[in-house]
Amino acid sequence: MRPTGNPSPSTPKNPGNGGPSGGGKNRSGYEMQAGSIDRFAGTMSGTAQGVSQLKEHTPRFDGMDLAPLAGVPIVGLMFVSRFNRISDTWKDSAGILQNVLKADSDKVTKAAQNYRAAERPN
């Protein structure tokens, strides 16, 4: 990503323009990019939590859940086995997706911190 303003620390030409000493909300340079990056990292983290909840609530037929199917022919039990395999695959995939989203959101947050560090004068 390229900064929207000058990569050197920004100093406002007009203090009322919303720059660092102007008090407004109009920012430029790396700080503007870092804010967008932070929001994206927050979205990734929230998505990881949502995937985790879906993973924990993945349906599966076990033990007593099969009692109503006692009169069902063997074809029905094959369906249950297939359903459980699909459910297990989803649960495993959701776990991988959750881990990737969480790890990548941490990396994106670190990138935003690096942009802020580049903006600060030494």
PDB file of N, CA and C in Angstrom:
ATOM      1  N   MET A   1       0.837  -1.175   0.000  1.00  0.00           N
ATOM      2  CA  MET A   1       0.000   0.000   0.000  1.00  0.00           C
ATOM      3  C   MET A   1       0.877   1.231   0.000  1.00  0.00           C
ATOM      4  N   ARG A   2       0.436   2.210  -0.686  1.00  0.00           N
ATOM      5  CA  ARG A   2       1.165   3.462  -0.710  1.00  0.00           C
ATOM      6  C   ARG A   2       0.410   4.483   0.121  1.00  0.00           C
ATOM      7  N   PRO A   3       1.135   5.329   0.810  1.00  0.00           N
ATOM      8  CA  PRO A   3       0.455   6.347   1.614  1.00  0.00           C
ATOM      9  C   PRO A   3      -0.270   7.336   0.715  1.00  0.00           C
ATOM     10  N   THR A   4      -1.318   7.942   1.250  1.00  0.00           N
ATOM     11  CA  THR A   4      -2.078   8.911   0.479  1.00  0.00           C
ATOM     12  C   THR A   4      -1.399  10.264   0.455  1.00  0.00           C
ATOM     13  N   GLY A   5      -0.501  10.521   1.378  1.00  0.00           N
ATOM     14  CA  GLY A   5       0.204  11.803   1.431  1.00  0.00           C
ATOM     15  C   GLY A   5       1.690  11.593   1.334  1.00  0.00           C
ATOM     16  N   ASN A   6       2.424  12.573   1.757  1.00  0.00           N
ATOM     17  CA  ASN A   6       3.877  12.525   1.762  1.00  0.00           C
ATOM     18  C   ASN A   6       4.346  11.512   2.800  1.00  0.00           C
ATOM     19  N   PRO A   7       5.292  10.606   2.466  1.00  0.00           N
ATOM     20  CA  PRO A   7       5.707   9.595   3.430  1.00  0.00           C
ATOM     21  C   PRO A   7       6.465  10.150   4.627  1.00  0.00           C
ATOM     22  N   SER A   8       6.932  11.371   4.531  1.00  0.00           N
ATOM     23  CA  SER A   8       7.586  11.960   5.696  1.00  0.00           C
ATOM     24  C   SER A   8       6.522  12.420   6.675  1.00  0.00           C
ATOM     25  N   PRO A   9       6.879  12.628   7.949  1.00  0.00           N
ATOM     26  CA  PRO A   9       5.863  13.077   8.917  1.00  0.00           C
ATOM     27  C   PRO A   9       5.138  14.310   8.404  1.00  0.00           C
ATOM     28  N   SER A  10       3.827  14.246   8.449  1.00  0.00           N
ATOM     29  CA  SER A  10       3.039  15.340   7.869  1.00  0.00           C
ATOM     30  C   SER A  10       2.953  16.524   8.818  1.00  0.00           C
ATOM     31  N   THR A  11       3.106  17.694   8.252  1.00  0.00           N
ATOM     32  CA  THR A  11       2.912  18.939   8.984  1.00  0.00           C
ATOM     33  C   THR A  11       1.912  19.755   8.190  1.00  0.00           C
ATOM     34  N   PRO A  12       0.870  20.216   8.819  1.00  0.00           N
ATOM     35  CA  PRO A  12      -0.171  20.932   8.093  1.00  0.00           C
ATOM     36  C   PRO A  12       0.299  22.301   7.624  1.00  0.00           C
ATOM     37  N   LYS A  13      -0.138  22.676   6.408  1.00  0.00           N
ATOM     38  CA  LYS A  13       0.144  24.016   5.902  1.00  0.00           C
ATOM     39  C   LYS A  13      -0.818  25.007   6.530  1.00  0.00           C
ATOM     40  N   ASN A  14      -2.008  24.530   6.813  1.00  0.00           N
ATOM     41  CA  ASN A  14      -3.036  25.355   7.434  1.00  0.00           C
ATOM     42  C   ASN A  14      -3.510  24.615   8.678  1.00  0.00           C
ATOM     43  N   PRO A  15      -3.260  25.142   9.900  1.00  0.00           N
ATOM     44  CA  PRO A  15      -3.637  24.407  11.110  1.00  0.00           C
ATOM     45  C   PRO A  15      -5.109  24.068  11.190  1.00  0.00           C
ATOM     46  N   GLY A  16      -5.972  24.702  10.467  1.00  0.00           N
ATOM     47  CA  GLY A  16      -7.397  24.419  10.536  1.00  0.00           C
ATOM     48  C   GLY A  16      -7.841  23.338   9.569  1.00  0.00           C
ATOM     49  N   ASN A  17      -6.915  22.709   8.864  1.00  0.00           N
ATOM     50  CA  ASN A  17      -7.314  21.749   7.841  1.00  0.00           C
ATOM     51  C   ASN A  17      -7.546  20.343   8.362  1.00  0.00           C
ATOM     52  N   GLY A  18      -7.455  20.126   9.652  1.00  0.00           N
ATOM     53  CA  GLY A  18      -7.707  18.801  10.189  1.00  0.00           C
ATOM     54  C   GLY A  18      -6.451  17.972  10.318  1.00  0.00           C
ATOM     55  N   GLY A  19      -5.296  18.561  10.161  1.00  0.00           N
ATOM     56  CA  GLY A  19      -4.035  17.850  10.307  1.00  0.00           C
ATOM     57  C   GLY A  19      -3.761  17.565  11.769  1.00  0.00           C
ATOM     58  N   PRO A  20      -2.552  17.114  12.092  1.00  0.00           N
ATOM     59  CA  PRO A  20      -2.235  16.726  13.463  1.00  0.00           C
ATOM     60  C   PRO A  20      -2.476  17.831  14.483  1.00  0.00           C
ATOM     61  N   SER A  21      -2.233  19.096  14.108  1.00  0.00           N
ATOM     62  CA  SER A  21      -2.459  20.163  15.086  1.00  0.00           C
ATOM     63  C   SER A  21      -3.768  20.887  14.836  1.00  0.00           C
ATOM     64  N   GLY A  22      -4.516  20.471  13.823  1.00  0.00           N
ATOM     65  CA  GLY A  22      -5.765  21.140  13.486  1.00  0.00           C
ATOM     66  C   GLY A  22      -6.952  20.606  14.257  1.00  0.00           C
ATOM     67  N   GLY A  23      -6.852  19.417  14.828  1.00  0.00           N
ATOM     68  CA  GLY A  23      -7.916  18.877  15.663  1.00  0.00           C
ATOM     69  C   GLY A  23      -9.068  18.266  14.900  1.00  0.00           C
ATOM     70  N   GLY A  24      -9.062  18.285  13.565  1.00  0.00           N
ATOM     71  CA  GLY A  24     -10.162  17.716  12.796  1.00  0.00           C
ATOM     72  C   GLY A  24      -9.982  16.222  12.591  1.00  0.00           C
ATOM     73  N   LYS A  25     -10.883  15.647  11.806  1.00  0.00           N
ATOM     74  CA  LYS A  25     -10.826  14.211  11.568  1.00  0.00           C
ATOM     75  C   LYS A  25     -10.197  13.887  10.220  1.00  0.00           C
ATOM     76  N   ASN A  26      -9.785  14.852   9.471  1.00  0.00           N
ATOM     77  CA  ASN A  26      -9.224  14.633   8.157  1.00  0.00           C
ATOM     78  C   ASN A  26      -7.740  14.309   8.296  1.00  0.00           C
ATOM     79  N   ARG A  27      -7.385  13.031   8.192  1.00  0.00           N
ATOM     80  CA  ARG A  27      -6.000  12.613   8.366  1.00  0.00           C
ATOM     81  C   ARG A  27      -5.399  12.260   7.020  1.00  0.00           C
ATOM     82  N   SER A  28      -4.072  12.268   6.971  1.00  0.00           N
ATOM     83  CA  SER A  28      -3.399  11.881   5.737  1.00  0.00           C
ATOM     84  C   SER A  28      -2.206  11.015   6.081  1.00  0.00           C
ATOM     85  N   GLY A  29      -1.549  10.515   5.060  1.00  0.00           N
ATOM     86  CA  GLY A  29      -0.335   9.738   5.274  1.00  0.00           C
ATOM     87  C   GLY A  29      -0.617   8.347   5.775  1.00  0.00           C
ATOM     88  N   TYR A  30       0.370   7.782   6.459  1.00  0.00           N
ATOM     89  CA  TYR A  30       0.280   6.395   6.922  1.00  0.00           C
ATOM     90  C   TYR A  30      -0.813   6.201   7.973  1.00  0.00           C
ATOM     91  N   GLU A  31      -1.102   7.215   8.770  1.00  0.00           N
ATOM     92  CA  GLU A  31      -2.112   7.058   9.818  1.00  0.00           C
ATOM     93  C   GLU A  31      -3.475   6.707   9.215  1.00  0.00           C
ATOM     94  N   MET A  32      -3.780   7.304   8.092  1.00  0.00           N
ATOM     95  CA  MET A  32      -5.043   6.992   7.420  1.00  0.00           C
ATOM     96  C   MET A  32      -5.048   5.528   6.986  1.00  0.00           C
ATOM     97  N   GLN A  33      -3.950   5.056   6.414  1.00  0.00           N
ATOM     98  CA  GLN A  33      -3.856   3.660   5.993  1.00  0.00           C
ATOM     99  C   GLN A  33      -3.918   2.728   7.196  1.00  0.00           C
ATOM    100  N   ALA A  34      -3.234   3.085   8.279  1.00  0.00           N
ATOM    101  CA  ALA A  34      -3.200   2.228   9.464  1.00  0.00           C
ATOM    102  C   ALA A  34      -4.596   2.072  10.058  1.00  0.00           C
ATOM    103  N   GLY A  35      -5.399   3.107  10.032  1.00  0.00           N
ATOM    104  CA  GLY A  35      -6.766   3.004  10.542  1.00  0.00           C
ATOM    105  C   GLY A  35      -7.594   2.013   9.733  1.00  0.00           C
ATOM    106  N   SER A  36      -7.451   2.064   8.413  1.00  0.00           N
ATOM    107  CA  SER A  36      -8.169   1.118   7.552  1.00  0.00           C
ATOM    108  C   SER A  36      -7.679  -0.305   7.782  1.00  0.00           C
ATOM    109  N   ILE A  37      -6.382  -0.443   7.954  1.00  0.00           N
ATOM    110  CA  ILE A  37      -5.804  -1.768   8.181  1.00  0.00           C
ATOM    111  C   ILE A  37      -6.289  -2.333   9.514  1.00  0.00           C
ATOM    112  N   ASP A  38      -6.342  -1.482  10.546  1.00  0.00           N
ATOM    113  CA  ASP A  38      -6.846  -1.932  11.848  1.00  0.00           C
ATOM    114  C   ASP A  38      -8.289  -2.405  11.765  1.00  0.00           C
ATOM    115  N   ARG A  39      -9.121  -1.676  11.016  1.00  0.00           N
ATOM    116  CA  ARG A  39     -10.525  -2.081  10.865  1.00  0.00           C
ATOM    117  C   ARG A  39     -10.622  -3.423  10.146  1.00  0.00           C
ATOM    118  N   PHE A  40      -9.795  -3.617   9.129  1.00  0.00           N
ATOM    119  CA  PHE A  40      -9.802  -4.886   8.404  1.00  0.00           C
ATOM    120  C   PHE A  40      -9.354  -6.025   9.319  1.00  0.00           C
ATOM    121  N   ALA A  41      -8.322  -5.786  10.139  1.00  0.00           N
ATOM    122  CA  ALA A  41      -7.855  -6.811  11.084  1.00  0.00           C
ATOM    123  C   ALA A  41      -8.961  -7.151  12.088  1.00  0.00           C
ATOM    124  N   GLY A  42      -9.708  -6.149  12.526  1.00  0.00           N
ATOM    125  CA  GLY A  42     -10.823  -6.392  13.442  1.00  0.00           C
ATOM    126  C   GLY A  42     -11.913  -7.233  12.792  1.00  0.00           C
ATOM    127  N   THR A  43     -12.163  -6.985  11.515  1.00  0.00           N
ATOM    128  CA  THR A  43     -13.147  -7.778  10.780  1.00  0.00           C
ATOM    129  C   THR A  43     -12.687  -9.229  10.670  1.00  0.00           C
ATOM    130  N   MET A  44     -11.399  -9.430  10.393  1.00  0.00           N
ATOM    131  CA  MET A  44     -10.868 -10.796  10.301  1.00  0.00           C
ATOM    132  C   MET A  44     -10.978 -11.514  11.640  1.00  0.00           C
ATOM    133  N   SER A  45     -10.669 -10.822  12.716  1.00  0.00           N
ATOM    134  CA  SER A  45     -10.745 -11.417  14.047  1.00  0.00           C
ATOM    135  C   SER A  45     -12.186 -11.781  14.401  1.00  0.00           C
ATOM    136  N   GLY A  46     -13.114 -10.888  14.086  1.00  0.00           N
ATOM    137  CA  GLY A  46     -14.532 -11.167  14.336  1.00  0.00           C
ATOM    138  C   GLY A  46     -15.038 -12.338  13.517  1.00  0.00           C
ATOM    139  N   THR A  47     -14.561 -12.437  12.284  1.00  0.00           N
ATOM    140  CA  THR A  47     -14.941 -13.566  11.437  1.00  0.00           C
ATOM    141  C   THR A  47     -14.405 -14.870  12.009  1.00  0.00           C
ATOM    142  N   ALA A  48     -13.189 -14.830  12.546  1.00  0.00           N
ATOM    143  CA  ALA A  48     -12.609 -16.032  13.170  1.00  0.00           C
ATOM    144  C   ALA A  48     -13.464 -16.489  14.344  1.00  0.00           C
ATOM    145  N   GLN A  49     -13.979 -15.537  15.124  1.00  0.00           N
ATOM    146  CA  GLN A  49     -14.844 -15.899  16.247  1.00  0.00           C
ATOM    147  C   GLN A  49     -16.156 -16.506  15.742  1.00  0.00           C
ATOM    148  N   GLY A  50     -16.707 -15.949  14.672  1.00  0.00           N
ATOM    149  CA  GLY A  50     -17.947 -16.487  14.112  1.00  0.00           C
ATOM    150  C   GLY A  50     -17.757 -17.893  13.569  1.00  0.00           C
ATOM    151  N   VAL A  51     -16.643 -18.132  12.899  1.00  0.00           N
ATOM    152  CA  VAL A  51     -16.347 -19.471  12.385  1.00  0.00           C
ATOM    153  C   VAL A  51     -16.195 -20.452  13.542  1.00  0.00           C
ATOM    154  N   SER A  52     -15.580 -19.991  14.622  1.00  0.00           N
ATOM    155  CA  SER A  52     -15.406 -20.846  15.800  1.00  0.00           C
ATOM    156  C   SER A  52     -16.766 -21.256  16.373  1.00  0.00           C
ATOM    157  N   GLN A  53     -17.686 -20.321  16.437  1.00  0.00           N
ATOM    158  CA  GLN A  53     -19.021 -20.640  16.952  1.00  0.00           C
ATOM    159  C   GLN A  53     -19.744 -21.630  16.040  1.00  0.00           C
ATOM    160  N   LEU A  54     -19.617 -21.436  14.730  1.00  0.00           N
ATOM    161  CA  LEU A  54     -20.239 -22.378  13.797  1.00  0.00           C
ATOM    162  C   LEU A  54     -19.620 -23.760  13.937  1.00  0.00           C
ATOM    163  N   LYS A  55     -18.307 -23.803  14.122  1.00  0.00           N
ATOM    164  CA  LYS A  55     -17.618 -25.085  14.271  1.00  0.00           C
ATOM    165  C   LYS A  55     -18.127 -25.824  15.503  1.00  0.00           C
ATOM    166  N   GLU A  56     -18.320 -25.106  16.591  1.00  0.00           N
ATOM    167  CA  GLU A  56     -18.763 -25.729  17.839  1.00  0.00           C
ATOM    168  C   GLU A  56     -20.213 -26.210  17.766  1.00  0.00           C
ATOM    169  N   HIS A  57     -20.995 -25.650  16.876  1.00  0.00           N
ATOM    170  CA  HIS A  57     -22.409 -26.022  16.767  1.00  0.00           C
ATOM    171  C   HIS A  57     -22.693 -26.874  15.529  1.00  0.00           C
ATOM    172  N   THR A  58     -21.671 -27.508  14.992  1.00  0.00           N
ATOM    173  CA  THR A  58     -21.858 -28.376  13.832  1.00  0.00           C
ATOM    174  C   THR A  58     -22.669 -29.605  14.254  1.00  0.00           C
ATOM    175  N   PRO A  59     -23.777 -29.871  13.572  1.00  0.00           N
ATOM    176  CA  PRO A  59     -24.616 -31.012  13.973  1.00  0.00           C
ATOM    177  C   PRO A  59     -23.963 -32.348  13.642  1.00  0.00           C
ATOM    178  N   ARG A  60     -24.281 -33.341  14.428  1.00  0.00           N
ATOM    179  CA  ARG A  60     -23.746 -34.691  14.239  1.00  0.00           C
ATOM    180  C   ARG A  60     -24.715 -35.676  14.878  1.00  0.00           C
ATOM    181  N   PHE A  61     -24.907 -36.824  14.233  1.00  0.00           N
ATOM    182  CA  PHE A  61     -25.743 -37.881  14.799  1.00  0.00           C
ATOM    183  C   PHE A  61     -24.862 -38.807  15.624  1.00  0.00           C
ATOM    184  N   ASP A  62     -25.144 -38.908  16.913  1.00  0.00           N
ATOM    185  CA  ASP A  62     -24.388 -39.799  17.803  1.00  0.00           C
ATOM    186  C   ASP A  62     -25.349 -40.501  18.754  1.00  0.00           C
ATOM    187  N   GLY A  63     -25.004 -41.708  19.134  1.00  0.00           N
ATOM    188  CA  GLY A  63     -25.684 -42.452  20.192  1.00  0.00           C
ATOM    189  C   GLY A  63     -27.189 -42.325  20.216  1.00  0.00           C
ATOM    190  N   MET A  64     -27.708 -41.561  21.184  1.00  0.00           N
ATOM    191  CA  MET A  64     -29.144 -41.449  21.404  1.00  0.00           C
ATOM    192  C   MET A  64     -29.846 -40.741  20.258  1.00  0.00           C
ATOM    193  N   ASP A  65     -29.119 -39.956  19.462  1.00  0.00           N
ATOM    194  CA  ASP A  65     -29.738 -39.295  18.316  1.00  0.00           C
ATOM    195  C   ASP A  65     -30.229 -40.306  17.291  1.00  0.00           C
ATOM    196  N   LEU A  66     -29.673 -41.520  17.318  1.00  0.00           N
ATOM    197  CA  LEU A  66     -30.042 -42.538  16.346  1.00  0.00           C
ATOM    198  C   LEU A  66     -31.261 -43.353  16.772  1.00  0.00           C
ATOM    199  N   ALA A  67     -31.715 -43.191  18.016  1.00  0.00           N
ATOM    200  CA  ALA A  67     -32.849 -43.973  18.509  1.00  0.00           C
ATOM    201  C   ALA A  67     -34.087 -43.824  17.627  1.00  0.00           C
ATOM    202  N   PRO A  68     -34.457 -42.633  17.175  1.00  0.00           N
ATOM    203  CA  PRO A  68     -35.637 -42.537  16.301  1.00  0.00           C
ATOM    204  C   PRO A  68     -35.441 -43.246  14.967  1.00  0.00           C
ATOM    205  N   LEU A  69     -34.194 -43.517  14.594  1.00  0.00           N
ATOM    206  CA  LEU A  69     -33.925 -44.163  13.312  1.00  0.00           C
ATOM    207  C   LEU A  69     -33.856 -45.680  13.424  1.00  0.00           C
ATOM    208  N   ALA A  70     -34.222 -46.246  14.580  1.00  0.00           N
ATOM    209  CA  ALA A  70     -34.093 -47.686  14.784  1.00  0.00           C
ATOM    210  C   ALA A  70     -34.881 -48.493  13.765  1.00  0.00           C
ATOM    211  N   GLY A  71     -36.012 -47.974  13.324  1.00  0.00           N
ATOM    212  CA  GLY A  71     -36.821 -48.699  12.358  1.00  0.00           C
ATOM    213  C   GLY A  71     -36.457 -48.387  10.920  1.00  0.00           C
ATOM    214  N   VAL A  72     -35.490 -47.529  10.732  1.00  0.00           N
ATOM    215  CA  VAL A  72     -35.098 -47.128   9.377  1.00  0.00           C
ATOM    216  C   VAL A  72     -34.188 -48.192   8.776  1.00  0.00           C
ATOM    217  N   PRO A  73     -34.365 -48.518   7.518  1.00  0.00           N
ATOM    218  CA  PRO A  73     -33.507 -49.532   6.888  1.00  0.00           C
ATOM    219  C   PRO A  73     -32.041 -49.093   6.846  1.00  0.00           C
ATOM    220  N   ILE A  74     -31.196 -50.007   6.451  1.00  0.00           N
ATOM    221  CA  ILE A  74     -29.755 -49.778   6.423  1.00  0.00           C
ATOM    222  C   ILE A  74     -29.388 -48.578   5.545  1.00  0.00           C
ATOM    223  N   VAL A  75     -30.198 -48.277   4.556  1.00  0.00           N
ATOM    224  CA  VAL A  75     -29.932 -47.118   3.691  1.00  0.00           C
ATOM    225  C   VAL A  75     -29.939 -45.841   4.527  1.00  0.00           C
ATOM    226  N   GLY A  76     -30.850 -45.775   5.491  1.00  0.00           N
ATOM    227  CA  GLY A  76     -30.900 -44.602   6.369  1.00  0.00           C
ATOM    228  C   GLY A  76     -29.649 -44.477   7.210  1.00  0.00           C
ATOM    229  N   LEU A  77     -29.118 -45.591   7.676  1.00  0.00           N
ATOM    230  CA  LEU A  77     -27.896 -45.550   8.473  1.00  0.00           C
ATOM    231  C   LEU A  77     -26.696 -45.134   7.625  1.00  0.00           C
ATOM    232  N   MET A  78     -26.719 -45.506   6.333  1.00  0.00           N
ATOM    233  CA  MET A  78     -25.649 -45.050   5.434  1.00  0.00           C
ATOM    234  C   MET A  78     -25.715 -43.535   5.282  1.00  0.00           C
ATOM    235  N   PHE A  79     -26.934 -42.977   5.258  1.00  0.00           N
ATOM    236  CA  PHE A  79     -27.086 -41.530   5.194  1.00  0.00           C
ATOM    237  C   PHE A  79     -26.490 -40.885   6.439  1.00  0.00           C
ATOM    238  N   VAL A  80     -26.752 -41.458   7.606  1.00  0.00           N
ATOM    239  CA  VAL A  80     -26.231 -40.923   8.862  1.00  0.00           C
ATOM    240  C   VAL A  80     -24.708 -40.925   8.836  1.00  0.00           C
ATOM    241  N   SER A  81     -24.123 -42.015   8.346  1.00  0.00           N
ATOM    242  CA  SER A  81     -22.665 -42.105   8.258  1.00  0.00           C
ATOM    243  C   SER A  81     -22.120 -41.035   7.316  1.00  0.00           C
ATOM    244  N   ARG A  82     -22.771 -40.863   6.198  1.00  0.00           N
ATOM    245  CA  ARG A  82     -22.315 -39.841   5.247  1.00  0.00           C
ATOM    246  C   ARG A  82     -22.476 -38.441   5.840  1.00  0.00           C
ATOM    247  N   PHE A  83     -23.592 -38.199   6.486  1.00  0.00           N
ATOM    248  CA  PHE A  83     -23.825 -36.900   7.120  1.00  0.00           C
ATOM    249  C   PHE A  83     -22.739 -36.608   8.153  1.00  0.00           C
ATOM    250  N   ASN A  84     -22.385 -37.595   8.961  1.00  0.00           N
ATOM    251  CA  ASN A  84     -21.351 -37.407   9.978  1.00  0.00           C
ATOM    252  C   ASN A  84     -19.986 -37.138   9.346  1.00  0.00           C
ATOM    253  N   ARG A  85     -19.676 -37.802   8.230  1.00  0.00           N
ATOM    254  CA  ARG A  85     -18.400 -37.528   7.549  1.00  0.00           C
ATOM    255  C   ARG A  85     -18.361 -36.105   7.025  1.00  0.00           C
ATOM    256  N   ILE A  86     -19.458 -35.648   6.454  1.00  0.00           N
ATOM    257  CA  ILE A  86     -19.536 -34.262   5.964  1.00  0.00           C
ATOM    258  C   ILE A  86     -19.416 -33.296   7.131  1.00  0.00           C
ATOM    259  N   SER A  87     -20.086 -33.594   8.215  1.00  0.00           N
ATOM    260  CA  SER A  87     -20.030 -32.756   9.406  1.00  0.00           C
ATOM    261  C   SER A  87     -18.611 -32.684   9.971  1.00  0.00           C
ATOM    262  N   ASP A  88     -17.934 -33.821  10.013  1.00  0.00           N
ATOM    263  CA  ASP A  88     -16.550 -33.847  10.505  1.00  0.00           C
ATOM    264  C   ASP A  88     -15.623 -33.048   9.593  1.00  0.00           C
ATOM    265  N   THR A  89     -15.830 -33.166   8.287  1.00  0.00           N
ATOM    266  CA  THR A  89     -15.013 -32.411   7.329  1.00  0.00           C
ATOM    267  C   THR A  89     -15.229 -30.917   7.520  1.00  0.00           C
ATOM    268  N   TRP A  90     -16.495 -30.514   7.691  1.00  0.00           N
ATOM    269  CA  TRP A  90     -16.791 -29.102   7.919  1.00  0.00           C
ATOM    270  C   TRP A  90     -16.123 -28.610   9.208  1.00  0.00           C
ATOM    271  N   LYS A  91     -16.216 -29.407  10.261  1.00  0.00           N
ATOM    272  CA  LYS A  91     -15.641 -29.009  11.545  1.00  0.00           C
ATOM    273  C   LYS A  91     -14.120 -28.852  11.428  1.00  0.00           C
ATOM    274  N   ASP A  92     -13.468 -29.784  10.744  1.00  0.00           N
ATOM    275  CA  ASP A  92     -12.020 -29.674  10.537  1.00  0.00           C
ATOM    276  C   ASP A  92     -11.667 -28.448   9.694  1.00  0.00           C
ATOM    277  N   SER A  93     -12.428 -28.227   8.629  1.00  0.00           N
ATOM    278  CA  SER A  93     -12.174 -27.073   7.754  1.00  0.00           C
ATOM    279  C   SER A  93     -12.408 -25.756   8.491  1.00  0.00           C
ATOM    280  N   ALA A  94     -13.443 -25.717   9.300  1.00  0.00           N
ATOM    281  CA  ALA A  94     -13.725 -24.506  10.070  1.00  0.00           C
ATOM    282  C   ALA A  94     -12.599 -24.226  11.068  1.00  0.00           C
ATOM    283  N   GLY A  95     -12.048 -25.271  11.645  1.00  0.00           N
ATOM    284  CA  GLY A  95     -10.919 -25.084  12.561  1.00  0.00           C
ATOM    285  C   GLY A  95      -9.709 -24.502  11.856  1.00  0.00           C
ATOM    286  N   ILE A  96      -9.430 -25.004  10.657  1.00  0.00           N
ATOM    287  CA  ILE A  96      -8.298 -24.472   9.876  1.00  0.00           C
ATOM    288  C   ILE A  96      -8.560 -23.018   9.511  1.00  0.00           C
ATOM    289  N   LEU A  97      -9.768 -22.722   9.035  1.00  0.00           N
ATOM    290  CA  LEU A  97     -10.116 -21.349   8.658  1.00  0.00           C
ATOM    291  C   LEU A  97     -10.023 -20.408   9.851  1.00  0.00           C
ATOM    292  N   GLN A  98     -10.492 -20.851  10.996  1.00  0.00           N
ATOM    293  CA  GLN A  98     -10.419 -20.027  12.202  1.00  0.00           C
ATOM    294  C   GLN A  98      -8.965 -19.704  12.548  1.00  0.00           C
ATOM    295  N   ASN A  99      -8.095 -20.703  12.506  1.00  0.00           N
ATOM    296  CA  ASN A  99      -6.683 -20.484  12.833  1.00  0.00           C
ATOM    297  C   ASN A  99      -6.014 -19.538  11.846  1.00  0.00           C
ATOM    298  N   VAL A 100      -6.328 -19.680  10.564  1.00  0.00           N
ATOM    299  CA  VAL A 100      -5.738 -18.809   9.543  1.00  0.00           C
ATOM    300  C   VAL A 100      -6.210 -17.375   9.738  1.00  0.00           C
ATOM    301  N   LEU A 101      -7.504 -17.185   9.954  1.00  0.00           N
ATOM    302  CA  LEU A 101      -8.032 -15.830  10.139  1.00  0.00           C
ATOM    303  C   LEU A 101      -7.430 -15.162  11.372  1.00  0.00           C
ATOM    304  N   LYS A 102      -7.321 -15.896  12.459  1.00  0.00           N
ATOM    305  CA  LYS A 102      -6.772 -15.331  13.689  1.00  0.00           C
ATOM    306  C   LYS A 102      -5.298 -14.957  13.510  1.00  0.00           C
ATOM    307  N   ALA A 103      -4.515 -15.877  12.926  1.00  0.00           N
ATOM    308  CA  ALA A 103      -3.088 -15.608  12.723  1.00  0.00           C
ATOM    309  C   ALA A 103      -2.884 -14.435  11.765  1.00  0.00           C
ATOM    310  N   ASP A 104      -3.671 -14.402  10.682  1.00  0.00           N
ATOM    311  CA  ASP A 104      -3.507 -13.324   9.716  1.00  0.00           C
ATOM    312  C   ASP A 104      -3.985 -11.982  10.268  1.00  0.00           C
ATOM    313  N   SER A 105      -5.011 -11.985  11.119  1.00  0.00           N
ATOM    314  CA  SER A 105      -5.449 -10.713  11.702  1.00  0.00           C
ATOM    315  C   SER A 105      -4.364 -10.158  12.621  1.00  0.00           C
ATOM    316  N   ASP A 106      -3.646 -11.040  13.298  1.00  0.00           N
ATOM    317  CA  ASP A 106      -2.520 -10.580  14.130  1.00  0.00           C
ATOM    318  C   ASP A 106      -1.416  -9.976  13.264  1.00  0.00           C
ATOM    319  N   LYS A 107      -1.146 -10.600  12.112  1.00  0.00           N
ATOM    320  CA  LYS A 107      -0.127 -10.076  11.200  1.00  0.00           C
ATOM    321  C   LYS A 107      -0.543  -8.731  10.617  1.00  0.00           C
ATOM    322  N   VAL A 108      -1.818  -8.589  10.273  1.00  0.00           N
ATOM    323  CA  VAL A 108      -2.313  -7.338   9.706  1.00  0.00           C
ATOM    324  C   VAL A 108      -2.252  -6.230  10.758  1.00  0.00           C
ATOM    325  N   THR A 109      -2.570  -6.554  12.005  1.00  0.00           N
ATOM    326  CA  THR A 109      -2.456  -5.568  13.090  1.00  0.00           C
ATOM    327  C   THR A 109      -1.012  -5.124  13.243  1.00  0.00           C
ATOM    328  N   LYS A 110      -0.081  -6.053  13.167  1.00  0.00           N
ATOM    329  CA  LYS A 110       1.345  -5.721  13.263  1.00  0.00           C
ATOM    330  C   LYS A 110       1.768  -4.813  12.109  1.00  0.00           C
ATOM    331  N   ALA A 111       1.229  -5.053  10.916  1.00  0.00           N
ATOM    332  CA  ALA A 111       1.533  -4.201   9.764  1.00  0.00           C
ATOM    333  C   ALA A 111       1.064  -2.765  10.017  1.00  0.00           C
ATOM    334  N   ALA A 112      -0.121  -2.615  10.599  1.00  0.00           N
ATOM    335  CA  ALA A 112      -0.627  -1.274  10.915  1.00  0.00           C
ATOM    336  C   ALA A 112       0.280  -0.584  11.933  1.00  0.00           C
ATOM    337  N   GLN A 113       0.763  -1.336  12.900  1.00  0.00           N
ATOM    338  CA  GLN A 113       1.697  -0.765  13.881  1.00  0.00           C
ATOM    339  C   GLN A 113       2.994  -0.327  13.202  1.00  0.00           C
ATOM    340  N   ASN A 114       3.447  -1.093  12.223  1.00  0.00           N
ATOM    341  CA  ASN A 114       4.652  -0.715  11.486  1.00  0.00           C
ATOM    342  C   ASN A 114       4.443   0.574  10.696  1.00  0.00           C
ATOM    343  N   TYR A 115       3.245   0.744  10.102  1.00  0.00           N
ATOM    344  CA  TYR A 115       2.956   1.996   9.397  1.00  0.00           C
ATOM    345  C   TYR A 115       2.980   3.178  10.367  1.00  0.00           C
ATOM    346  N   ARG A 116       2.412   2.984  11.542  1.00  0.00           N
ATOM    347  CA  ARG A 116       2.417   4.072  12.517  1.00  0.00           C
ATOM    348  C   ARG A 116       3.845   4.403  12.963  1.00  0.00           C
ATOM    349  N   ALA A 117       4.668   3.375  13.142  1.00  0.00           N
ATOM    350  CA  ALA A 117       6.054   3.603  13.551  1.00  0.00           C
ATOM    351  C   ALA A 117       6.811   4.349  12.460  1.00  0.00           C
ATOM    352  N   ALA A 118       6.510   4.086  11.206  1.00  0.00           N
ATOM    353  CA  ALA A 118       7.169   4.788  10.098  1.00  0.00           C
ATOM    354  C   ALA A 118       6.747   6.245  10.047  1.00  0.00           C
ATOM    355  N   GLU A 119       5.550   6.545  10.489  1.00  0.00           N
ATOM    356  CA  GLU A 119       5.032   7.925  10.466  1.00  0.00           C
ATOM    357  C   GLU A 119       5.655   8.790  11.556  1.00  0.00           C
ATOM    358  N   ARG A 120       6.008   8.169  12.694  1.00  0.00           N
ATOM    359  CA  ARG A 120       6.549   8.940  13.812  1.00  0.00           C
ATOM    360  C   ARG A 120       7.947   9.476  13.498  1.00  0.00           C
ATOM    361  N   PRO A 121       8.204  10.722  13.876  1.00  0.00           N
ATOM    362  CA  PRO A 121       9.561  11.255  13.680  1.00  0.00           C
ATOM    363  C   PRO A 121      10.515  10.609  14.694  1.00  0.00           C
ATOM    364  N   ASN A 122      11.753  10.464  14.299  1.00  0.00           N
ATOM    365  CA  ASN A 122      12.748   9.841  15.205  1.00  0.00           C
ATOM    366  C   ASN A 122      13.203  10.775  16.270  1.00  0.00           C
TER     367      ASN A 122
END
